[in-house]
Amino acid sequence: MRLHPDVVSTDTDDGTVLLNGRTGRYWQLNATGAHVLRGLLDGDSPDDIAAGVATRHRIDPSRAERDVTTVIDQLRTAGLVIA
């Protein structure tokens, strides 16, 4: 997965900001959302990302899977990432 060509990202102290240069809209990801995005851009599988989130935040793996899937779906729906 990669960022859409019209999208640029900037890391912040609290996560990541994504700007769609075509639409002028921006999105702010918290630290966990930024972690998910970085993992996707690095080629990690959603399952591996979810396992890391579950370990890092000491949450149930099934909850982490749902949360990671939600972030991925939102990034795709907003047109910020492409396969």
PDB file of N, CA and C in Angstrom:
ATOM      1  N   MET A   1       0.852  -1.166   0.000  1.00  0.00           N
ATOM      2  CA  MET A   1       0.000   0.000   0.000  1.00  0.00           C
ATOM      3  C   MET A   1       0.899   1.231   0.000  1.00  0.00           C
ATOM      4  N   ARG A   2       0.404   2.293  -0.641  1.00  0.00           N
ATOM      5  CA  ARG A   2       1.173   3.542  -0.686  1.00  0.00           C
ATOM      6  C   ARG A   2       0.218   4.726  -0.623  1.00  0.00           C
ATOM      7  N   LEU A   3       0.793   5.883  -0.324  1.00  0.00           N
ATOM      8  CA  LEU A   3      -0.019   7.098  -0.319  1.00  0.00           C
ATOM      9  C   LEU A   3      -0.466   7.421  -1.737  1.00  0.00           C
ATOM     10  N   HIS A   4      -1.638   7.966  -1.871  1.00  0.00           N
ATOM     11  CA  HIS A   4      -2.103   8.463  -3.160  1.00  0.00           C
ATOM     12  C   HIS A   4      -1.106   9.526  -3.613  1.00  0.00           C
ATOM     13  N   PRO A   5      -0.826   9.631  -4.904  1.00  0.00           N
ATOM     14  CA  PRO A   5       0.164  10.612  -5.374  1.00  0.00           C
ATOM     15  C   PRO A   5      -0.139  12.063  -4.993  1.00  0.00           C
ATOM     16  N   ASP A   6      -1.402  12.394  -4.760  1.00  0.00           N
ATOM     17  CA  ASP A   6      -1.758  13.765  -4.389  1.00  0.00           C
ATOM     18  C   ASP A   6      -1.635  14.033  -2.890  1.00  0.00           C
ATOM     19  N   VAL A   7      -1.259  13.003  -2.120  1.00  0.00           N
ATOM     20  CA  VAL A   7      -1.237  13.117  -0.662  1.00  0.00           C
ATOM     21  C   VAL A   7       0.193  13.221  -0.151  1.00  0.00           C
ATOM     22  N   VAL A   8       0.405  14.151   0.761  1.00  0.00           N
ATOM     23  CA  VAL A   8       1.687  14.266   1.456  1.00  0.00           C
ATOM     24  C   VAL A   8       1.433  14.071   2.944  1.00  0.00           C
ATOM     25  N   SER A   9       2.430  13.564   3.633  1.00  0.00           N
ATOM     26  CA  SER A   9       2.288  13.334   5.065  1.00  0.00           C
ATOM     27  C   SER A   9       3.410  14.027   5.812  1.00  0.00           C
ATOM     28  N   THR A  10       3.081  14.431   7.021  1.00  0.00           N
ATOM     29  CA  THR A  10       4.059  15.057   7.912  1.00  0.00           C
ATOM     30  C   THR A  10       3.852  14.481   9.298  1.00  0.00           C
ATOM     31  N   ASP A  11       4.929  13.985   9.875  1.00  0.00           N
ATOM     32  CA  ASP A  11       4.852  13.495  11.242  1.00  0.00           C
ATOM     33  C   ASP A  11       4.824  14.677  12.198  1.00  0.00           C
ATOM     34  N   THR A  12       4.053  14.528  13.260  1.00  0.00           N
ATOM     35  CA  THR A  12       3.968  15.542  14.309  1.00  0.00           C
ATOM     36  C   THR A  12       4.299  14.865  15.644  1.00  0.00           C
ATOM     37  N   ASP A  13       4.341  15.643  16.702  1.00  0.00           N
ATOM     38  CA  ASP A  13       4.589  15.072  18.025  1.00  0.00           C
ATOM     39  C   ASP A  13       3.475  14.124  18.448  1.00  0.00           C
ATOM     40  N   ASP A  14       2.274  14.336  17.914  1.00  0.00           N
ATOM     41  CA  ASP A  14       1.107  13.556  18.327  1.00  0.00           C
ATOM     42  C   ASP A  14       0.651  12.536  17.307  1.00  0.00           C
ATOM     43  N   GLY A  15       1.314  12.399  16.165  1.00  0.00           N
ATOM     44  CA  GLY A  15       0.885  11.467  15.137  1.00  0.00           C
ATOM     45  C   GLY A  15       1.357  11.896  13.768  1.00  0.00           C
ATOM     46  N   THR A  16       0.423  11.970  12.833  1.00  0.00           N
ATOM     47  CA  THR A  16       0.725  12.321  11.445  1.00  0.00           C
ATOM     48  C   THR A  16      -0.410  13.146  10.875  1.00  0.00           C
ATOM     49  N   VAL A  17      -0.056  14.110  10.037  1.00  0.00           N
ATOM     50  CA  VAL A  17      -1.048  14.891   9.304  1.00  0.00           C
ATOM     51  C   VAL A  17      -0.892  14.546   7.831  1.00  0.00           C
ATOM     52  N   LEU A  18      -2.019  14.273   7.183  1.00  0.00           N
ATOM     53  CA  LEU A  18      -2.051  13.975   5.754  1.00  0.00           C
ATOM     54  C   LEU A  18      -2.790  15.100   5.035  1.00  0.00           C
ATOM     55  N   LEU A  19      -2.216  15.578   3.948  1.00  0.00           N
ATOM     56  CA  LEU A  19      -2.843  16.635   3.157  1.00  0.00           C
ATOM     57  C   LEU A  19      -3.046  16.130   1.743  1.00  0.00           C
ATOM     58  N   ASN A  20      -4.291  16.217   1.276  1.00  0.00           N
ATOM     59  CA  ASN A  20      -4.605  15.888  -0.104  1.00  0.00           C
ATOM     60  C   ASN A  20      -4.468  17.179  -0.901  1.00  0.00           C
ATOM     61  N   GLY A  21      -3.413  17.286  -1.688  1.00  0.00           N
ATOM     62  CA  GLY A  21      -3.126  18.500  -2.447  1.00  0.00           C
ATOM     63  C   GLY A  21      -4.166  18.800  -3.511  1.00  0.00           C
ATOM     64  N   ARG A  22      -4.871  17.789  -3.969  1.00  0.00           N
ATOM     65  CA  ARG A  22      -5.890  18.001  -4.991  1.00  0.00           C
ATOM     66  C   ARG A  22      -7.139  18.639  -4.402  1.00  0.00           C
ATOM     67  N   THR A  23      -7.538  18.182  -3.209  1.00  0.00           N
ATOM     68  CA  THR A  23      -8.779  18.681  -2.615  1.00  0.00           C
ATOM     69  C   THR A  23      -8.550  19.764  -1.563  1.00  0.00           C
ATOM     70  N   GLY A  24      -7.327  19.838  -1.030  1.00  0.00           N
ATOM     71  CA  GLY A  24      -7.049  20.786   0.030  1.00  0.00           C
ATOM     72  C   GLY A  24      -7.494  20.304   1.403  1.00  0.00           C
ATOM     73  N   ARG A  25      -8.035  19.107   1.481  1.00  0.00           N
ATOM     74  CA  ARG A  25      -8.478  18.560   2.775  1.00  0.00           C
ATOM     75  C   ARG A  25      -7.308  17.906   3.482  1.00  0.00           C
ATOM     76  N   TYR A  26      -7.349  17.965   4.804  1.00  0.00           N
ATOM     77  CA  TYR A  26      -6.315  17.289   5.572  1.00  0.00           C
ATOM     78  C   TYR A  26      -6.934  16.429   6.661  1.00  0.00           C
ATOM     79  N   TRP A  27      -6.170  15.440   7.088  1.00  0.00           N
ATOM     80  CA  TRP A  27      -6.576  14.516   8.128  1.00  0.00           C
ATOM     81  C   TRP A  27      -5.455  14.435   9.145  1.00  0.00           C
ATOM     82  N   GLN A  28      -5.828  14.307  10.389  1.00  0.00           N
ATOM     83  CA  GLN A  28      -4.843  14.141  11.444  1.00  0.00           C
ATOM     84  C   GLN A  28      -5.019  12.757  12.050  1.00  0.00           C
ATOM     85  N   LEU A  29      -3.941  11.999  12.089  1.00  0.00           N
ATOM     86  CA  LEU A  29      -3.953  10.675  12.701  1.00  0.00           C
ATOM     87  C   LEU A  29      -3.272  10.767  14.060  1.00  0.00           C
ATOM     88  N   ASN A  30      -3.862  10.125  15.056  1.00  0.00           N
ATOM     89  CA  ASN A  30      -3.191  10.066  16.351  1.00  0.00           C
ATOM     90  C   ASN A  30      -1.996   9.109  16.235  1.00  0.00           C
ATOM     91  N   ALA A  31      -1.291   8.905  17.325  1.00  0.00           N
ATOM     92  CA  ALA A  31      -0.080   8.082  17.286  1.00  0.00           C
ATOM     93  C   ALA A  31      -0.362   6.663  16.807  1.00  0.00           C
ATOM     94  N   THR A  32      -1.486   6.088  17.222  1.00  0.00           N
ATOM     95  CA  THR A  32      -1.810   4.730  16.795  1.00  0.00           C
ATOM     96  C   THR A  32      -2.158   4.692  15.308  1.00  0.00           C
ATOM     97  N   GLY A  33      -2.940   5.655  14.843  1.00  0.00           N
ATOM     98  CA  GLY A  33      -3.254   5.728  13.421  1.00  0.00           C
ATOM     99  C   GLY A  33      -2.002   5.917  12.588  1.00  0.00           C
ATOM    100  N   ALA A  34      -1.079   6.739  13.077  1.00  0.00           N
ATOM    101  CA  ALA A  34       0.199   6.953  12.382  1.00  0.00           C
ATOM    102  C   ALA A  34       1.002   5.663  12.334  1.00  0.00           C
ATOM    103  N   HIS A  35       0.977   4.898  13.419  1.00  0.00           N
ATOM    104  CA  HIS A  35       1.668   3.608  13.466  1.00  0.00           C
ATOM    105  C   HIS A  35       1.095   2.658  12.411  1.00  0.00           C
ATOM    106  N   VAL A  36      -0.225   2.634  12.302  1.00  0.00           N
ATOM    107  CA  VAL A  36      -0.881   1.790  11.299  1.00  0.00           C
ATOM    108  C   VAL A  36      -0.454   2.224   9.899  1.00  0.00           C
ATOM    109  N   LEU A  37      -0.510   3.514   9.632  1.00  0.00           N
ATOM    110  CA  LEU A  37      -0.125   4.015   8.309  1.00  0.00           C
ATOM    111  C   LEU A  37       1.327   3.682   7.989  1.00  0.00           C
ATOM    112  N   ARG A  38       2.236   3.918   8.926  1.00  0.00           N
ATOM    113  CA  ARG A  38       3.656   3.621   8.682  1.00  0.00           C
ATOM    114  C   ARG A  38       3.848   2.142   8.383  1.00  0.00           C
ATOM    115  N   GLY A  39       3.144   1.296   9.140  1.00  0.00           N
ATOM    116  CA  GLY A  39       3.250  -0.137   8.881  1.00  0.00           C
ATOM    117  C   GLY A  39       2.791  -0.503   7.481  1.00  0.00           C
ATOM    118  N   LEU A  40       1.670   0.055   7.068  1.00  0.00           N
ATOM    119  CA  LEU A  40       1.168  -0.209   5.718  1.00  0.00           C
ATOM    120  C   LEU A  40       2.153   0.249   4.660  1.00  0.00           C
ATOM    121  N   LEU A  41       2.693   1.444   4.837  1.00  0.00           N
ATOM    122  CA  LEU A  41       3.636   1.991   3.862  1.00  0.00           C
ATOM    123  C   LEU A  41       4.942   1.198   3.824  1.00  0.00           C
ATOM    124  N   ASP A  42       5.274   0.564   4.954  1.00  0.00           N
ATOM    125  CA  ASP A  42       6.474  -0.273   5.022  1.00  0.00           C
ATOM    126  C   ASP A  42       6.239  -1.680   4.497  1.00  0.00           C
ATOM    127  N   GLY A  43       4.984  -1.985   4.130  1.00  0.00           N
ATOM    128  CA  GLY A  43       4.670  -3.294   3.576  1.00  0.00           C
ATOM    129  C   GLY A  43       4.238  -4.327   4.594  1.00  0.00           C
ATOM    130  N   ASP A  44       4.010  -3.913   5.844  1.00  0.00           N
ATOM    131  CA  ASP A  44       3.548  -4.849   6.862  1.00  0.00           C
ATOM    132  C   ASP A  44       2.100  -5.248   6.587  1.00  0.00           C
ATOM    133  N   SER A  45       1.753  -6.458   6.955  1.00  0.00           N
ATOM    134  CA  SER A  45       0.375  -6.915   6.778  1.00  0.00           C
ATOM    135  C   SER A  45      -0.498  -6.315   7.872  1.00  0.00           C
ATOM    136  N   PRO A  46      -1.785  -6.162   7.591  1.00  0.00           N
ATOM    137  CA  PRO A  46      -2.698  -5.689   8.638  1.00  0.00           C
ATOM    138  C   PRO A  46      -2.658  -6.564   9.891  1.00  0.00           C
ATOM    139  N   ASP A  47      -2.493  -7.882   9.720  1.00  0.00           N
ATOM    140  CA  ASP A  47      -2.425  -8.781  10.876  1.00  0.00           C
ATOM    141  C   ASP A  47      -1.197  -8.482  11.729  1.00  0.00           C
ATOM    142  N   ASP A  48      -0.055  -8.253  11.080  1.00  0.00           N
ATOM    143  CA  ASP A  48       1.165  -7.934  11.825  1.00  0.00           C
ATOM    144  C   ASP A  48       1.034  -6.594  12.543  1.00  0.00           C
ATOM    145  N   ILE A  49       0.425  -5.618  11.870  1.00  0.00           N
ATOM    146  CA  ILE A  49       0.220  -4.308  12.492  1.00  0.00           C
ATOM    147  C   ILE A  49      -0.690  -4.451  13.703  1.00  0.00           C
ATOM    148  N   ALA A  50      -1.771  -5.208  13.557  1.00  0.00           N
ATOM    149  CA  ALA A  50      -2.712  -5.407  14.664  1.00  0.00           C
ATOM    150  C   ALA A  50      -2.030  -6.103  15.834  1.00  0.00           C
ATOM    151  N   ALA A  51      -1.194  -7.081  15.559  1.00  0.00           N
ATOM    152  CA  ALA A  51      -0.476  -7.773  16.638  1.00  0.00           C
ATOM    153  C   ALA A  51       0.412  -6.787  17.398  1.00  0.00           C
ATOM    154  N   GLY A  52       1.074  -5.903  16.671  1.00  0.00           N
ATOM    155  CA  GLY A  52       1.907  -4.892  17.319  1.00  0.00           C
ATOM    156  C   GLY A  52       1.089  -3.921  18.151  1.00  0.00           C
ATOM    157  N   VAL A  53      -0.059  -3.520  17.643  1.00  0.00           N
ATOM    158  CA  VAL A  53      -0.940  -2.610  18.379  1.00  0.00           C
ATOM    159  C   VAL A  53      -1.443  -3.289  19.651  1.00  0.00           C
ATOM    160  N   ALA A  54      -1.822  -4.547  19.548  1.00  0.00           N
ATOM    161  CA  ALA A  54      -2.321  -5.284  20.717  1.00  0.00           C
ATOM    162  C   ALA A  54      -1.242  -5.369  21.794  1.00  0.00           C
ATOM    163  N   THR A  55      -0.031  -5.655  21.386  1.00  0.00           N
ATOM    164  CA  THR A  55       1.065  -5.756  22.341  1.00  0.00           C
ATOM    165  C   THR A  55       1.402  -4.400  22.948  1.00  0.00           C
ATOM    166  N   ARG A  56       1.522  -3.387  22.092  1.00  0.00           N
ATOM    167  CA  ARG A  56       1.911  -2.057  22.550  1.00  0.00           C
ATOM    168  C   ARG A  56       0.898  -1.472  23.540  1.00  0.00           C
ATOM    169  N   HIS A  57      -0.383  -1.675  23.262  1.00  0.00           N
ATOM    170  CA  HIS A  57      -1.431  -1.058  24.083  1.00  0.00           C
ATOM    171  C   HIS A  57      -2.081  -2.036  25.067  1.00  0.00           C
ATOM    172  N   ARG A  58      -1.568  -3.273  25.075  1.00  0.00           N
ATOM    173  CA  ARG A  58      -2.088  -4.301  25.986  1.00  0.00           C
ATOM    174  C   ARG A  58      -3.604  -4.441  25.875  1.00  0.00           C
ATOM    175  N   ILE A  59      -4.048  -4.621  24.630  1.00  0.00           N
ATOM    176  CA  ILE A  59      -5.474  -4.809  24.390  1.00  0.00           C
ATOM    177  C   ILE A  59      -5.701  -6.165  23.735  1.00  0.00           C
ATOM    178  N   ASP A  60      -6.937  -6.596  23.734  1.00  0.00           N
ATOM    179  CA  ASP A  60      -7.308  -7.865  23.127  1.00  0.00           C
ATOM    180  C   ASP A  60      -6.956  -7.845  21.638  1.00  0.00           C
ATOM    181  N   PRO A  61      -6.311  -8.885  21.126  1.00  0.00           N
ATOM    182  CA  PRO A  61      -5.943  -8.912  19.708  1.00  0.00           C
ATOM    183  C   PRO A  61      -7.125  -8.713  18.754  1.00  0.00           C
ATOM    184  N   SER A  62      -8.298  -9.226  19.105  1.00  0.00           N
ATOM    185  CA  SER A  62      -9.444  -9.051  18.207  1.00  0.00           C
ATOM    186  C   SER A  62      -9.864  -7.582  18.148  1.00  0.00           C
ATOM    187  N   ARG A  63      -9.753  -6.876  19.245  1.00  0.00           N
ATOM    188  CA  ARG A  63     -10.054  -5.441  19.232  1.00  0.00           C
ATOM    189  C   ARG A  63      -9.034  -4.702  18.372  1.00  0.00           C
ATOM    190  N   ALA A  64      -7.761  -5.065  18.514  1.00  0.00           N
ATOM    191  CA  ALA A  64      -6.721  -4.425  17.711  1.00  0.00           C
ATOM    192  C   ALA A  64      -6.966  -4.667  16.226  1.00  0.00           C
ATOM    193  N   GLU A  65      -7.375  -5.879  15.864  1.00  0.00           N
ATOM    194  CA  GLU A  65      -7.679  -6.186  14.460  1.00  0.00           C
ATOM    195  C   GLU A  65      -8.811  -5.310  13.945  1.00  0.00           C
ATOM    196  N   ARG A  66      -9.866  -5.163  14.742  1.00  0.00           N
ATOM    197  CA  ARG A  66     -10.996  -4.309  14.333  1.00  0.00           C
ATOM    198  C   ARG A  66     -10.539  -2.856  14.179  1.00  0.00           C
ATOM    199  N   ASP A  67      -9.759  -2.383  15.134  1.00  0.00           N
ATOM    200  CA  ASP A  67      -9.302  -0.993  15.083  1.00  0.00           C
ATOM    201  C   ASP A  67      -8.414  -0.737  13.871  1.00  0.00           C
ATOM    202  N   VAL A  68      -7.498  -1.655  13.590  1.00  0.00           N
ATOM    203  CA  VAL A  68      -6.613  -1.505  12.433  1.00  0.00           C
ATOM    204  C   VAL A  68      -7.429  -1.551  11.145  1.00  0.00           C
ATOM    205  N   THR A  69      -8.377  -2.466  11.064  1.00  0.00           N
ATOM    206  CA  THR A  69      -9.235  -2.551   9.880  1.00  0.00           C
ATOM    207  C   THR A  69     -10.018  -1.254   9.683  1.00  0.00           C
ATOM    208  N   THR A  70     -10.501  -0.675  10.766  1.00  0.00           N
ATOM    209  CA  THR A  70     -11.241   0.586  10.681  1.00  0.00           C
ATOM    210  C   THR A  70     -10.356   1.694  10.133  1.00  0.00           C
ATOM    211  N   VAL A  71      -9.132   1.796  10.635  1.00  0.00           N
ATOM    212  CA  VAL A  71      -8.213   2.836  10.147  1.00  0.00           C
ATOM    213  C   VAL A  71      -7.936   2.640   8.666  1.00  0.00           C
ATOM    214  N   ILE A  72      -7.661   1.406   8.255  1.00  0.00           N
ATOM    215  CA  ILE A  72      -7.377   1.120   6.842  1.00  0.00           C
ATOM    216  C   ILE A  72      -8.580   1.478   5.974  1.00  0.00           C
ATOM    217  N   ASP A  73      -9.764   1.088   6.397  1.00  0.00           N
ATOM    218  CA  ASP A  73     -10.976   1.401   5.635  1.00  0.00           C
ATOM    219  C   ASP A  73     -11.164   2.910   5.498  1.00  0.00           C
ATOM    220  N   GLN A  74     -10.918   3.644   6.573  1.00  0.00           N
ATOM    221  CA  GLN A  74     -11.069   5.101   6.521  1.00  0.00           C
ATOM    222  C   GLN A  74     -10.029   5.741   5.608  1.00  0.00           C
ATOM    223  N   LEU A  75      -8.799   5.255   5.638  1.00  0.00           N
ATOM    224  CA  LEU A  75      -7.761   5.784   4.747  1.00  0.00           C
ATOM    225  C   LEU A  75      -8.121   5.526   3.285  1.00  0.00           C
ATOM    226  N   ARG A  76      -8.629   4.326   3.001  1.00  0.00           N
ATOM    227  CA  ARG A  76      -9.024   3.987   1.628  1.00  0.00           C
ATOM    228  C   ARG A  76     -10.227   4.816   1.183  1.00  0.00           C
ATOM    229  N   THR A  77     -11.251   4.897   2.030  1.00  0.00           N
ATOM    230  CA  THR A  77     -12.463   5.628   1.693  1.00  0.00           C
ATOM    231  C   THR A  77     -12.150   7.102   1.420  1.00  0.00           C
ATOM    232  N   ALA A  78     -11.245   7.664   2.173  1.00  0.00           N
ATOM    233  CA  ALA A  78     -10.873   9.073   1.993  1.00  0.00           C
ATOM    234  C   ALA A  78      -9.941   9.263   0.785  1.00  0.00           C
ATOM    235  N   GLY A  79      -9.523   8.165   0.162  1.00  0.00           N
ATOM    236  CA  GLY A  79      -8.648   8.256  -1.013  1.00  0.00           C
ATOM    237  C   GLY A  79      -7.222   8.642  -0.672  1.00  0.00           C
ATOM    238  N   LEU A  80      -6.811   8.367   0.559  1.00  0.00           N
ATOM    239  CA  LEU A  80      -5.467   8.751   0.989  1.00  0.00           C
ATOM    240  C   LEU A  80      -4.422   7.719   0.643  1.00  0.00           C
ATOM    241  N   VAL A  81      -4.837   6.444   0.549  1.00  0.00           N
ATOM    242  CA  VAL A  81      -3.918   5.376   0.200  1.00  0.00           C
ATOM    243  C   VAL A  81      -4.488   4.565  -0.951  1.00  0.00           C
ATOM    244  N   ILE A  82      -3.583   3.923  -1.668  1.00  0.00           N
ATOM    245  CA  ILE A  82      -3.968   3.043  -2.764  1.00  0.00           C
ATOM    246  C   ILE A  82      -3.135   1.771  -2.654  1.00  0.00           C
ATOM    247  N   ALA A  83      -3.675   0.701  -3.205  1.00  0.00           N
ATOM    248  CA  ALA A  83      -2.972  -0.599  -3.145  1.00  0.00           C
ATOM    249  C   ALA A  83      -1.858  -0.656  -4.154  1.00  0.00           C
TER     250      ALA A  83
END
